[in-house]
Amino acid sequence: MNRIHLIERGDFPENLVRIEKENHIYDSGFWFVAQATAERLVGGQLYLHDAKDKPARFGGTILGYRVAEGGANEGKIVFRCQASMDAKGARAGREGWGMEKKIVLDDPNPDTREVDR
């Protein structure tokens, strides 16, 4: 299953915003991820960690995404997720991290021209 692990540094409550309480729907915040990669992650899993070696404190299924417009976060990806208690506590391992994220795709596409910053 496609998945992304993200490290959320500091106290950024705006990075995890509850959209629908009854359905456990959240917006994940603002991340440097190529739009082509974000598209491939829809239906996969998103995990938020405090550090690479810490278990996820939040996780869920990626329902969709949007590209932020305007302001300091312009161009960054915001993932919409349905939180799951099963995803909380997931570990990513120490290998494969770069720029405070770890992206695991079932079928990586080596021909992609976009870069995840």
PDB file of N, CA and C in Angstrom:
ATOM      1  N   MET A   1       0.845  -1.183   0.000  1.00  0.00           N
ATOM      2  CA  MET A   1       0.000   0.000   0.000  1.00  0.00           C
ATOM      3  C   MET A   1       0.889   1.245   0.000  1.00  0.00           C
ATOM      4  N   ASN A   2       0.539   2.220  -0.807  1.00  0.00           N
ATOM      5  CA  ASN A   2       1.272   3.481  -0.839  1.00  0.00           C
ATOM      6  C   ASN A   2       1.098   4.200   0.492  1.00  0.00           C
ATOM      7  N   ARG A   3       2.192   4.820   0.948  1.00  0.00           N
ATOM      8  CA  ARG A   3       2.106   5.517   2.232  1.00  0.00           C
ATOM      9  C   ARG A   3       3.169   6.612   2.308  1.00  0.00           C
ATOM     10  N   ILE A   4       2.864   7.573   3.170  1.00  0.00           N
ATOM     11  CA  ILE A   4       3.801   8.659   3.435  1.00  0.00           C
ATOM     12  C   ILE A   4       3.894   8.845   4.938  1.00  0.00           C
ATOM     13  N   HIS A   5       5.127   8.937   5.409  1.00  0.00           N
ATOM     14  CA  HIS A   5       5.413   9.226   6.808  1.00  0.00           C
ATOM     15  C   HIS A   5       5.999  10.629   6.834  1.00  0.00           C
ATOM     16  N   LEU A   6       5.485  11.469   7.708  1.00  0.00           N
ATOM     17  CA  LEU A   6       5.923  12.865   7.798  1.00  0.00           C
ATOM     18  C   LEU A   6       6.304  13.195   9.227  1.00  0.00           C
ATOM     19  N   ILE A   7       7.377  13.956   9.380  1.00  0.00           N
ATOM     20  CA  ILE A   7       7.775  14.422  10.700  1.00  0.00           C
ATOM     21  C   ILE A   7       7.225  15.823  10.886  1.00  0.00           C
ATOM     22  N   GLU A   8       6.476  15.989  11.946  1.00  0.00           N
ATOM     23  CA  GLU A   8       5.896  17.291  12.267  1.00  0.00           C
ATOM     24  C   GLU A   8       6.665  17.857  13.450  1.00  0.00           C
ATOM     25  N   ARG A   9       7.436  18.872  13.185  1.00  0.00           N
ATOM     26  CA  ARG A   9       8.292  19.474  14.205  1.00  0.00           C
ATOM     27  C   ARG A   9       7.566  20.588  14.954  1.00  0.00           C
ATOM     28  N   GLY A  10       7.883  20.713  16.230  1.00  0.00           N
ATOM     29  CA  GLY A  10       7.388  21.824  17.025  1.00  0.00           C
ATOM     30  C   GLY A  10       5.898  21.756  17.287  1.00  0.00           C
ATOM     31  N   ASP A  11       5.358  22.882  17.714  1.00  0.00           N
ATOM     32  CA  ASP A  11       3.946  22.984  18.078  1.00  0.00           C
ATOM     33  C   ASP A  11       3.207  23.677  16.946  1.00  0.00           C
ATOM     34  N   PHE A  12       2.697  22.877  16.004  1.00  0.00           N
ATOM     35  CA  PHE A  12       2.009  23.426  14.840  1.00  0.00           C
ATOM     36  C   PHE A  12       0.572  22.914  14.788  1.00  0.00           C
ATOM     37  N   PRO A  13      -0.294  23.408  15.669  1.00  0.00           N
ATOM     38  CA  PRO A  13      -1.665  22.890  15.684  1.00  0.00           C
ATOM     39  C   PRO A  13      -2.417  23.135  14.381  1.00  0.00           C
ATOM     40  N   GLU A  14      -1.988  24.131  13.591  1.00  0.00           N
ATOM     41  CA  GLU A  14      -2.674  24.391  12.322  1.00  0.00           C
ATOM     42  C   GLU A  14      -2.376  23.300  11.294  1.00  0.00           C
ATOM     43  N   ASN A  15      -1.391  22.449  11.556  1.00  0.00           N
ATOM     44  CA  ASN A  15      -1.040  21.398  10.608  1.00  0.00           C
ATOM     45  C   ASN A  15      -1.974  20.204  10.648  1.00  0.00           C
ATOM     46  N   LEU A  16      -2.795  20.077  11.652  1.00  0.00           N
ATOM     47  CA  LEU A  16      -3.761  18.994  11.724  1.00  0.00           C
ATOM     48  C   LEU A  16      -5.093  19.612  12.135  1.00  0.00           C
ATOM     49  N   VAL A  17      -5.972  19.749  11.165  1.00  0.00           N
ATOM     50  CA  VAL A  17      -7.239  20.446  11.386  1.00  0.00           C
ATOM     51  C   VAL A  17      -8.391  19.460  11.204  1.00  0.00           C
ATOM     52  N   ARG A  18      -9.234  19.346  12.239  1.00  0.00           N
ATOM     53  CA  ARG A  18     -10.396  18.468  12.138  1.00  0.00           C
ATOM     54  C   ARG A  18     -11.440  19.123  11.241  1.00  0.00           C
ATOM     55  N   ILE A  19     -11.890  18.386  10.227  1.00  0.00           N
ATOM     56  CA  ILE A  19     -12.874  18.874   9.273  1.00  0.00           C
ATOM     57  C   ILE A  19     -14.265  18.348   9.605  1.00  0.00           C
ATOM     58  N   GLU A  20     -14.357  17.045   9.904  1.00  0.00           N
ATOM     59  CA  GLU A  20     -15.623  16.404  10.269  1.00  0.00           C
ATOM     60  C   GLU A  20     -15.397  15.524  11.491  1.00  0.00           C
ATOM     61  N   LYS A  21     -15.933  15.939  12.622  1.00  0.00           N
ATOM     62  CA  LYS A  21     -15.735  15.201  13.873  1.00  0.00           C
ATOM     63  C   LYS A  21     -16.303  13.792  13.796  1.00  0.00           C
ATOM     64  N   GLU A  22     -17.535  13.657  13.328  1.00  0.00           N
ATOM     65  CA  GLU A  22     -18.215  12.362  13.358  1.00  0.00           C
ATOM     66  C   GLU A  22     -17.586  11.325  12.427  1.00  0.00           C
ATOM     67  N   ASN A  23     -16.924  11.769  11.364  1.00  0.00           N
ATOM     68  CA  ASN A  23     -16.297  10.843  10.417  1.00  0.00           C
ATOM     69  C   ASN A  23     -14.777  10.801  10.546  1.00  0.00           C
ATOM     70  N   HIS A  24     -14.233  11.529  11.524  1.00  0.00           N
ATOM     71  CA  HIS A  24     -12.789  11.538  11.791  1.00  0.00           C
ATOM     72  C   HIS A  24     -11.978  12.009  10.582  1.00  0.00           C
ATOM     73  N   ILE A  25     -12.458  13.072   9.930  1.00  0.00           N
ATOM     74  CA  ILE A  25     -11.802  13.616   8.740  1.00  0.00           C
ATOM     75  C   ILE A  25     -10.937  14.813   9.153  1.00  0.00           C
ATOM     76  N   TYR A  26      -9.676  14.814   8.672  1.00  0.00           N
ATOM     77  CA  TYR A  26      -8.713  15.856   9.007  1.00  0.00           C
ATOM     78  C   TYR A  26      -7.991  16.336   7.755  1.00  0.00           C
ATOM     79  N   ASP A  27      -7.534  17.586   7.798  1.00  0.00           N
ATOM     80  CA  ASP A  27      -6.555  18.083   6.842  1.00  0.00           C
ATOM     81  C   ASP A  27      -5.215  18.023   7.549  1.00  0.00           C
ATOM     82  N   SER A  28      -4.213  17.519   6.846  1.00  0.00           N
ATOM     83  CA  SER A  28      -2.936  17.176   7.468  1.00  0.00           C
ATOM     84  C   SER A  28      -1.947  18.320   7.597  1.00  0.00           C
ATOM     85  N   GLY A  29      -2.172  19.409   6.970  1.00  0.00           N
ATOM     86  CA  GLY A  29      -1.196  20.494   7.025  1.00  0.00           C
ATOM     87  C   GLY A  29      -0.553  20.715   5.678  1.00  0.00           C
ATOM     88  N   PHE A  30       0.574  21.374   5.674  1.00  0.00           N
ATOM     89  CA  PHE A  30       1.222  21.840   4.448  1.00  0.00           C
ATOM     90  C   PHE A  30       2.568  21.143   4.276  1.00  0.00           C
ATOM     91  N   TRP A  31       2.722  20.440   3.139  1.00  0.00           N
ATOM     92  CA  TRP A  31       3.916  19.618   2.935  1.00  0.00           C
ATOM     93  C   TRP A  31       4.485  19.808   1.537  1.00  0.00           C
ATOM     94  N   PHE A  32       5.813  19.764   1.438  1.00  0.00           N
ATOM     95  CA  PHE A  32       6.479  19.778   0.142  1.00  0.00           C
ATOM     96  C   PHE A  32       6.444  18.365  -0.431  1.00  0.00           C
ATOM     97  N   VAL A  33       5.482  18.123  -1.293  1.00  0.00           N
ATOM     98  CA  VAL A  33       5.332  16.844  -1.979  1.00  0.00           C
ATOM     99  C   VAL A  33       4.929  17.167  -3.409  1.00  0.00           C
ATOM    100  N   ALA A  34       5.536  16.504  -4.371  1.00  0.00           N
ATOM    101  CA  ALA A  34       5.169  16.729  -5.771  1.00  0.00           C
ATOM    102  C   ALA A  34       3.706  16.336  -5.980  1.00  0.00           C
ATOM    103  N   GLN A  35       3.016  17.086  -6.803  1.00  0.00           N
ATOM    104  CA  GLN A  35       1.601  16.828  -7.043  1.00  0.00           C
ATOM    105  C   GLN A  35       1.386  15.428  -7.629  1.00  0.00           C
ATOM    106  N   ALA A  36       2.274  14.974  -8.497  1.00  0.00           N
ATOM    107  CA  ALA A  36       2.154  13.629  -9.068  1.00  0.00           C
ATOM    108  C   ALA A  36       2.257  12.569  -7.976  1.00  0.00           C
ATOM    109  N   THR A  37       3.112  12.798  -6.996  1.00  0.00           N
ATOM    110  CA  THR A  37       3.245  11.867  -5.872  1.00  0.00           C
ATOM    111  C   THR A  37       2.002  11.911  -5.001  1.00  0.00           C
ATOM    112  N   ALA A  38       1.496  13.112  -4.730  1.00  0.00           N
ATOM    113  CA  ALA A  38       0.276  13.247  -3.922  1.00  0.00           C
ATOM    114  C   ALA A  38      -0.874  12.481  -4.561  1.00  0.00           C
ATOM    115  N   GLU A  39      -0.992  12.576  -5.880  1.00  0.00           N
ATOM    116  CA  GLU A  39      -2.053  11.867  -6.597  1.00  0.00           C
ATOM    117  C   GLU A  39      -1.925  10.357  -6.390  1.00  0.00           C
ATOM    118  N   ARG A  40      -0.717   9.864  -6.447  1.00  0.00           N
ATOM    119  CA  ARG A  40      -0.489   8.423  -6.280  1.00  0.00           C
ATOM    120  C   ARG A  40      -0.749   7.965  -4.849  1.00  0.00           C
ATOM    121  N   LEU A  41      -0.647   8.875  -3.890  1.00  0.00           N
ATOM    122  CA  LEU A  41      -0.861   8.526  -2.489  1.00  0.00           C
ATOM    123  C   LEU A  41      -2.340   8.455  -2.101  1.00  0.00           C
ATOM    124  N   VAL A  42      -3.225   9.019  -2.913  1.00  0.00           N
ATOM    125  CA  VAL A  42      -4.663   8.971  -2.597  1.00  0.00           C
ATOM    126  C   VAL A  42      -5.095   7.507  -2.496  1.00  0.00           C
ATOM    127  N   GLY A  43      -5.760   7.182  -1.390  1.00  0.00           N
ATOM    128  CA  GLY A  43      -6.166   5.813  -1.104  1.00  0.00           C
ATOM    129  C   GLY A  43      -5.165   5.076  -0.239  1.00  0.00           C
ATOM    130  N   GLY A  44      -3.964   5.644  -0.104  1.00  0.00           N
ATOM    131  CA  GLY A  44      -2.924   5.068   0.741  1.00  0.00           C
ATOM    132  C   GLY A  44      -3.013   5.616   2.154  1.00  0.00           C
ATOM    133  N   GLN A  45      -1.931   5.479   2.882  1.00  0.00           N
ATOM    134  CA  GLN A  45      -1.899   5.871   4.284  1.00  0.00           C
ATOM    135  C   GLN A  45      -0.968   7.053   4.519  1.00  0.00           C
ATOM    136  N   LEU A  46      -1.335   7.906   5.465  1.00  0.00           N
ATOM    137  CA  LEU A  46      -0.517   9.026   5.914  1.00  0.00           C
ATOM    138  C   LEU A  46      -0.269   8.835   7.407  1.00  0.00           C
ATOM    139  N   TYR A  47       0.972   9.055   7.817  1.00  0.00           N
ATOM    140  CA  TYR A  47       1.351   8.949   9.222  1.00  0.00           C
ATOM    141  C   TYR A  47       2.114  10.197   9.624  1.00  0.00           C
ATOM    142  N   LEU A  48       1.798  10.758  10.788  1.00  0.00           N
ATOM    143  CA  LEU A  48       2.534  11.895  11.343  1.00  0.00           C
ATOM    144  C   LEU A  48       3.339  11.412  12.536  1.00  0.00           C
ATOM    145  N   HIS A  49       4.622  11.757  12.539  1.00  0.00           N
ATOM    146  CA  HIS A  49       5.550  11.346  13.595  1.00  0.00           C
ATOM    147  C   HIS A  49       6.180  12.584  14.222  1.00  0.00           C
ATOM    148  N   ASP A  50       6.644  12.442  15.444  1.00  0.00           N
ATOM    149  CA  ASP A  50       7.433  13.495  16.090  1.00  0.00           C
ATOM    150  C   ASP A  50       8.908  13.376  15.721  1.00  0.00           C
ATOM    151  N   ALA A  51       9.360  12.178  15.375  1.00  0.00           N
ATOM    152  CA  ALA A  51      10.744  11.914  14.962  1.00  0.00           C
ATOM    153  C   ALA A  51      10.768  10.607  14.178  1.00  0.00           C
ATOM    154  N   LYS A  52      11.846  10.380  13.427  1.00  0.00           N
ATOM    155  CA  LYS A  52      11.958   9.176  12.607  1.00  0.00           C
ATOM    156  C   LYS A  52      11.821   7.895  13.411  1.00  0.00           C
ATOM    157  N   ASP A  53      12.364   7.905  14.614  1.00  0.00           N
ATOM    158  CA  ASP A  53      12.365   6.693  15.421  1.00  0.00           C
ATOM    159  C   ASP A  53      11.177   6.602  16.381  1.00  0.00           C
ATOM    160  N   LYS A  54      10.230   7.515  16.258  1.00  0.00           N
ATOM    161  CA  LYS A  54       9.040   7.505  17.115  1.00  0.00           C
ATOM    162  C   LYS A  54       7.852   6.917  16.356  1.00  0.00           C
ATOM    163  N   PRO A  55       6.948   6.227  17.061  1.00  0.00           N
ATOM    164  CA  PRO A  55       5.745   5.728  16.398  1.00  0.00           C
ATOM    165  C   PRO A  55       4.839   6.886  15.980  1.00  0.00           C
ATOM    166  N   ALA A  56       4.002   6.639  14.984  1.00  0.00           N
ATOM    167  CA  ALA A  56       3.070   7.675  14.510  1.00  0.00           C
ATOM    168  C   ALA A  56       2.121   8.071  15.629  1.00  0.00           C
ATOM    169  N   ARG A  57       1.897   9.365  15.755  1.00  0.00           N
ATOM    170  CA  ARG A  57       0.912   9.863  16.729  1.00  0.00           C
ATOM    171  C   ARG A  57      -0.443  10.094  16.067  1.00  0.00           C
ATOM    172  N   PHE A  58      -0.438  10.049  14.720  1.00  0.00           N
ATOM    173  CA  PHE A  58      -1.668  10.209  13.939  1.00  0.00           C
ATOM    174  C   PHE A  58      -1.473   9.420  12.657  1.00  0.00           C
ATOM    175  N   GLY A  59      -2.560   8.842  12.175  1.00  0.00           N
ATOM    176  CA  GLY A  59      -2.499   8.159  10.894  1.00  0.00           C
ATOM    177  C   GLY A  59      -3.888   7.923  10.349  1.00  0.00           C
ATOM    178  N   GLY A  60      -3.944   7.709   9.051  1.00  0.00           N
ATOM    179  CA  GLY A  60      -5.230   7.437   8.435  1.00  0.00           C
ATOM    180  C   GLY A  60      -5.116   7.301   6.934  1.00  0.00           C
ATOM    181  N   THR A  61      -6.252   7.081   6.323  1.00  0.00           N
ATOM    182  CA  THR A  61      -6.339   6.895   4.883  1.00  0.00           C
ATOM    183  C   THR A  61      -6.431   8.243   4.181  1.00  0.00           C
ATOM    184  N   ILE A  62      -5.630   8.426   3.142  1.00  0.00           N
ATOM    185  CA  ILE A  62      -5.646   9.666   2.368  1.00  0.00           C
ATOM    186  C   ILE A  62      -6.837   9.635   1.421  1.00  0.00           C
ATOM    187  N   LEU A  63      -7.755  10.565   1.613  1.00  0.00           N
ATOM    188  CA  LEU A  63      -8.975  10.653   0.796  1.00  0.00           C
ATOM    189  C   LEU A  63      -8.768  11.539  -0.429  1.00  0.00           C
ATOM    190  N   GLY A  64      -7.876  12.489  -0.326  1.00  0.00           N
ATOM    191  CA  GLY A  64      -7.616  13.428  -1.413  1.00  0.00           C
ATOM    192  C   GLY A  64      -6.571  14.427  -0.963  1.00  0.00           C
ATOM    193  N   TYR A  65      -6.359  15.426  -1.788  1.00  0.00           N
ATOM    194  CA  TYR A  65      -5.385  16.469  -1.468  1.00  0.00           C
ATOM    195  C   TYR A  65      -5.767  17.733  -2.227  1.00  0.00           C
ATOM    196  N   ARG A  66      -5.136  18.828  -1.826  1.00  0.00           N
ATOM    197  CA  ARG A  66      -5.256  20.073  -2.572  1.00  0.00           C
ATOM    198  C   ARG A  66      -3.913  20.774  -2.512  1.00  0.00           C
ATOM    199  N   VAL A  67      -3.705  21.679  -3.452  1.00  0.00           N
ATOM    200  CA  VAL A  67      -2.491  22.486  -3.482  1.00  0.00           C
ATOM    201  C   VAL A  67      -2.834  23.833  -2.859  1.00  0.00           C
ATOM    202  N   ALA A  68      -2.091  24.212  -1.835  1.00  0.00           N
ATOM    203  CA  ALA A  68      -2.340  25.488  -1.158  1.00  0.00           C
ATOM    204  C   ALA A  68      -2.045  26.640  -2.108  1.00  0.00           C
ATOM    205  N   GLU A  69      -2.882  27.663  -2.026  1.00  0.00           N
ATOM    206  CA  GLU A  69      -2.721  28.839  -2.875  1.00  0.00           C
ATOM    207  C   GLU A  69      -2.516  30.066  -2.007  1.00  0.00           C
ATOM    208  N   GLY A  70      -1.529  30.872  -2.365  1.00  0.00           N
ATOM    209  CA  GLY A  70      -1.280  32.130  -1.674  1.00  0.00           C
ATOM    210  C   GLY A  70      -0.588  31.956  -0.337  1.00  0.00           C
ATOM    211  N   GLY A  71       0.032  33.007   0.106  1.00  0.00           N
ATOM    212  CA  GLY A  71       0.670  33.026   1.413  1.00  0.00           C
ATOM    213  C   GLY A  71       1.938  32.201   1.484  1.00  0.00           C
ATOM    214  N   ALA A  72       2.400  31.986   2.701  1.00  0.00           N
ATOM    215  CA  ALA A  72       3.661  31.289   2.948  1.00  0.00           C
ATOM    216  C   ALA A  72       3.624  29.821   2.528  1.00  0.00           C
ATOM    217  N   ASN A  73       2.435  29.245   2.430  1.00  0.00           N
ATOM    218  CA  ASN A  73       2.322  27.821   2.099  1.00  0.00           C
ATOM    219  C   ASN A  73       1.962  27.550   0.643  1.00  0.00           C
ATOM    220  N   GLU A  74       2.014  28.575  -0.186  1.00  0.00           N
ATOM    221  CA  GLU A  74       1.643  28.409  -1.592  1.00  0.00           C
ATOM    222  C   GLU A  74       2.432  27.272  -2.240  1.00  0.00           C
ATOM    223  N   GLY A  75       1.702  26.411  -2.934  1.00  0.00           N
ATOM    224  CA  GLY A  75       2.309  25.296  -3.653  1.00  0.00           C
ATOM    225  C   GLY A  75       2.488  24.038  -2.836  1.00  0.00           C
ATOM    226  N   LYS A  76       2.323  24.133  -1.536  1.00  0.00           N
ATOM    227  CA  LYS A  76       2.455  22.945  -0.690  1.00  0.00           C
ATOM    228  C   LYS A  76       1.174  22.109  -0.768  1.00  0.00           C
ATOM    229  N   ILE A  77       1.308  20.833  -0.468  1.00  0.00           N
ATOM    230  CA  ILE A  77       0.193  19.893  -0.516  1.00  0.00           C
ATOM    231  C   ILE A  77      -0.468  19.787   0.856  1.00  0.00           C
ATOM    232  N   VAL A  78      -1.791  19.788   0.862  1.00  0.00           N
ATOM    233  CA  VAL A  78      -2.592  19.527   2.055  1.00  0.00           C
ATOM    234  C   VAL A  78      -3.349  18.236   1.789  1.00  0.00           C
ATOM    235  N   PHE A  79      -3.086  17.215   2.603  1.00  0.00           N
ATOM    236  CA  PHE A  79      -3.779  15.937   2.459  1.00  0.00           C
ATOM    237  C   PHE A  79      -5.034  15.916   3.312  1.00  0.00           C
ATOM    238  N   ARG A  80      -6.114  15.383   2.769  1.00  0.00           N
ATOM    239  CA  ARG A  80      -7.341  15.144   3.537  1.00  0.00           C
ATOM    240  C   ARG A  80      -7.366  13.666   3.885  1.00  0.00           C
ATOM    241  N   CYS A  81      -7.515  13.363   5.175  1.00  0.00           N
ATOM    242  CA  CYS A  81      -7.406  11.991   5.663  1.00  0.00           C
ATOM    243  C   CYS A  81      -8.575  11.621   6.562  1.00  0.00           C
ATOM    244  N   GLN A  82      -8.854  10.330   6.581  1.00  0.00           N
ATOM    245  CA  GLN A  82      -9.788   9.781   7.562  1.00  0.00           C
ATOM    246  C   GLN A  82      -8.948   9.051   8.595  1.00  0.00           C
ATOM    247  N   ALA A  83      -8.929   9.585   9.811  1.00  0.00           N
ATOM    248  CA  ALA A  83      -8.094   9.033  10.875  1.00  0.00           C
ATOM    249  C   ALA A  83      -8.531   7.621  11.232  1.00  0.00           C
ATOM    250  N   SER A  84      -7.545   6.841  11.647  1.00  0.00           N
ATOM    251  CA  SER A  84      -7.797   5.458  12.035  1.00  0.00           C
ATOM    252  C   SER A  84      -6.960   5.127  13.257  1.00  0.00           C
ATOM    253  N   MET A  85      -7.571   4.544  14.258  1.00  0.00           N
ATOM    254  CA  MET A  85      -6.826   4.127  15.447  1.00  0.00           C
ATOM    255  C   MET A  85      -5.813   3.044  15.090  1.00  0.00           C
ATOM    256  N   ASP A  86      -6.087   2.236  14.072  1.00  0.00           N
ATOM    257  CA  ASP A  86      -5.153   1.193  13.635  1.00  0.00           C
ATOM    258  C   ASP A  86      -3.847   1.785  13.120  1.00  0.00           C
ATOM    259  N   ALA A  87      -3.897   2.998  12.587  1.00  0.00           N
ATOM    260  CA  ALA A  87      -2.707   3.631  12.022  1.00  0.00           C
ATOM    261  C   ALA A  87      -1.839   4.279  13.097  1.00  0.00           C
ATOM    262  N   LYS A  88      -2.445   4.648  14.206  1.00  0.00           N
ATOM    263  CA  LYS A  88      -1.688   5.280  15.282  1.00  0.00           C
ATOM    264  C   LYS A  88      -0.701   4.262  15.855  1.00  0.00           C
ATOM    265  N   GLY A  89       0.532   4.706  16.021  1.00  0.00           N
ATOM    266  CA  GLY A  89       1.560   3.834  16.569  1.00  0.00           C
ATOM    267  C   GLY A  89       2.401   3.130  15.515  1.00  0.00           C
ATOM    268  N   ALA A  90       2.070   3.329  14.232  1.00  0.00           N
ATOM    269  CA  ALA A  90       2.844   2.706  13.157  1.00  0.00           C
ATOM    270  C   ALA A  90       4.276   3.229  13.179  1.00  0.00           C
ATOM    271  N   ARG A  91       5.200   2.378  12.802  1.00  0.00           N
ATOM    272  CA  ARG A  91       6.607   2.767  12.733  1.00  0.00           C
ATOM    273  C   ARG A  91       7.057   2.752  11.281  1.00  0.00           C
ATOM    274  N   ALA A  92       7.980   3.649  10.952  1.00  0.00           N
ATOM    275  CA  ALA A  92       8.454   3.773   9.575  1.00  0.00           C
ATOM    276  C   ALA A  92       9.824   3.147   9.361  1.00  0.00           C
ATOM    277  N   GLY A  93      10.568   2.929  10.414  1.00  0.00           N
ATOM    278  CA  GLY A  93      11.950   2.484  10.266  1.00  0.00           C
ATOM    279  C   GLY A  93      12.847   3.664   9.953  1.00  0.00           C
ATOM    280  N   ARG A  94      14.147   3.483  10.100  1.00  0.00           N
ATOM    281  CA  ARG A  94      15.082   4.593   9.928  1.00  0.00           C
ATOM    282  C   ARG A  94      15.558   4.773   8.488  1.00  0.00           C
ATOM    283  N   GLU A  95      15.372   3.787   7.645  1.00  0.00           N
ATOM    284  CA  GLU A  95      15.833   3.856   6.259  1.00  0.00           C
ATOM    285  C   GLU A  95      14.823   4.577   5.372  1.00  0.00           C
ATOM    286  N   GLY A  96      15.332   5.270   4.329  1.00  0.00           N
ATOM    287  CA  GLY A  96      14.475   5.846   3.304  1.00  0.00           C
ATOM    288  C   GLY A  96      13.936   7.237   3.577  1.00  0.00           C
ATOM    289  N   TRP A  97      14.374   7.889   4.633  1.00  0.00           N
ATOM    290  CA  TRP A  97      13.913   9.231   4.958  1.00  0.00           C
ATOM    291  C   TRP A  97      14.694  10.271   4.169  1.00  0.00           C
ATOM    292  N   GLY A  98      14.022  11.351   3.817  1.00  0.00           N
ATOM    293  CA  GLY A  98      14.665  12.495   3.192  1.00  0.00           C
ATOM    294  C   GLY A  98      13.779  13.709   3.367  1.00  0.00           C
ATOM    295  N   MET A  99      14.359  14.809   3.769  1.00  0.00           N
ATOM    296  CA  MET A  99      13.609  16.063   3.948  1.00  0.00           C
ATOM    297  C   MET A  99      12.403  15.865   4.872  1.00  0.00           C
ATOM    298  N   GLU A 100      12.611  15.118   5.940  1.00  0.00           N
ATOM    299  CA  GLU A 100      11.605  14.893   6.981  1.00  0.00           C
ATOM    300  C   GLU A 100      10.354  14.181   6.480  1.00  0.00           C
ATOM    301  N   LYS A 101      10.529  13.342   5.452  1.00  0.00           N
ATOM    302  CA  LYS A 101       9.420  12.524   4.979  1.00  0.00           C
ATOM    303  C   LYS A 101       9.963  11.220   4.414  1.00  0.00           C
ATOM    304  N   LYS A 102       9.114  10.226   4.442  1.00  0.00           N
ATOM    305  CA  LYS A 102       9.431   8.926   3.859  1.00  0.00           C
ATOM    306  C   LYS A 102       8.228   8.519   3.028  1.00  0.00           C
ATOM    307  N   ILE A 103       8.445   8.347   1.739  1.00  0.00           N
ATOM    308  CA  ILE A 103       7.372   7.979   0.822  1.00  0.00           C
ATOM    309  C   ILE A 103       7.636   6.563   0.339  1.00  0.00           C
ATOM    310  N   VAL A 104       6.632   5.718   0.483  1.00  0.00           N
ATOM    311  CA  VAL A 104       6.748   4.333   0.038  1.00  0.00           C
ATOM    312  C   VAL A 104       5.637   4.094  -0.979  1.00  0.00           C
ATOM    313  N   LEU A 105       6.043   3.822  -2.227  1.00  0.00           N
ATOM    314  CA  LEU A 105       5.084   3.564  -3.301  1.00  0.00           C
ATOM    315  C   LEU A 105       5.210   2.108  -3.727  1.00  0.00           C
ATOM    316  N   ASP A 106       4.077   1.440  -3.885  1.00  0.00           N
ATOM    317  CA  ASP A 106       4.082   0.039  -4.296  1.00  0.00           C
ATOM    318  C   ASP A 106       4.758  -0.151  -5.638  1.00  0.00           C
ATOM    319  N   ASP A 107       4.530   0.781  -6.544  1.00  0.00           N
ATOM    320  CA  ASP A 107       5.066   0.672  -7.889  1.00  0.00           C
ATOM    321  C   ASP A 107       5.730   1.991  -8.247  1.00  0.00           C
ATOM    322  N   PRO A 108       6.960   2.223  -7.758  1.00  0.00           N
ATOM    323  CA  PRO A 108       7.607   3.505  -8.043  1.00  0.00           C
ATOM    324  C   PRO A 108       7.786   3.720  -9.543  1.00  0.00           C
ATOM    325  N   ASN A 109       7.592   4.946  -9.958  1.00  0.00           N
ATOM    326  CA  ASN A 109       7.726   5.303 -11.369  1.00  0.00           C
ATOM    327  C   ASN A 109       9.044   6.050 -11.558  1.00  0.00           C
ATOM    328  N   PRO A 110      10.071   5.404 -12.100  1.00  0.00           N
ATOM    329  CA  PRO A 110      11.366   6.074 -12.243  1.00  0.00           C
ATOM    330  C   PRO A 110      11.367   7.171 -13.296  1.00  0.00           C
ATOM    331  N   ASP A 111      10.338   7.247 -14.128  1.00  0.00           N
ATOM    332  CA  ASP A 111      10.301   8.242 -15.206  1.00  0.00           C
ATOM    333  C   ASP A 111       9.713   9.572 -14.776  1.00  0.00           C
ATOM    334  N   THR A 112       9.283   9.695 -13.535  1.00  0.00           N
ATOM    335  CA  THR A 112       8.649  10.934 -13.103  1.00  0.00           C
ATOM    336  C   THR A 112       9.630  12.101 -13.200  1.00  0.00           C
ATOM    337  N   ARG A 113       9.148  13.227 -13.625  1.00  0.00           N
ATOM    338  CA  ARG A 113       9.996  14.408 -13.791  1.00  0.00           C
ATOM    339  C   ARG A 113       9.866  15.345 -12.593  1.00  0.00           C
ATOM    340  N   GLU A 114       8.860  15.109 -11.762  1.00  0.00           N
ATOM    341  CA  GLU A 114       8.671  15.962 -10.596  1.00  0.00           C
ATOM    342  C   GLU A 114       9.552  15.474  -9.460  1.00  0.00           C
ATOM    343  N   VAL A 115       9.922  16.381  -8.608  1.00  0.00           N
ATOM    344  CA  VAL A 115      10.768  16.048  -7.479  1.00  0.00           C
ATOM    345  C   VAL A 115      10.047  16.437  -6.205  1.00  0.00           C
ATOM    346  N   ASP A 116      10.081  15.548  -5.223  1.00  0.00           N
ATOM    347  CA  ASP A 116       9.533  15.865  -3.905  1.00  0.00           C
ATOM    348  C   ASP A 116      10.591  16.623  -3.113  1.00  0.00           C
ATOM    349  N   ARG A 117      10.311  17.906  -2.855  1.00  0.00           N
ATOM    350  CA  ARG A 117      11.279  18.757  -2.149  1.00  0.00           C
ATOM    351  C   ARG A 117      11.199  18.523  -0.671  1.00  0.00           C
TER     352      ARG A 117
END
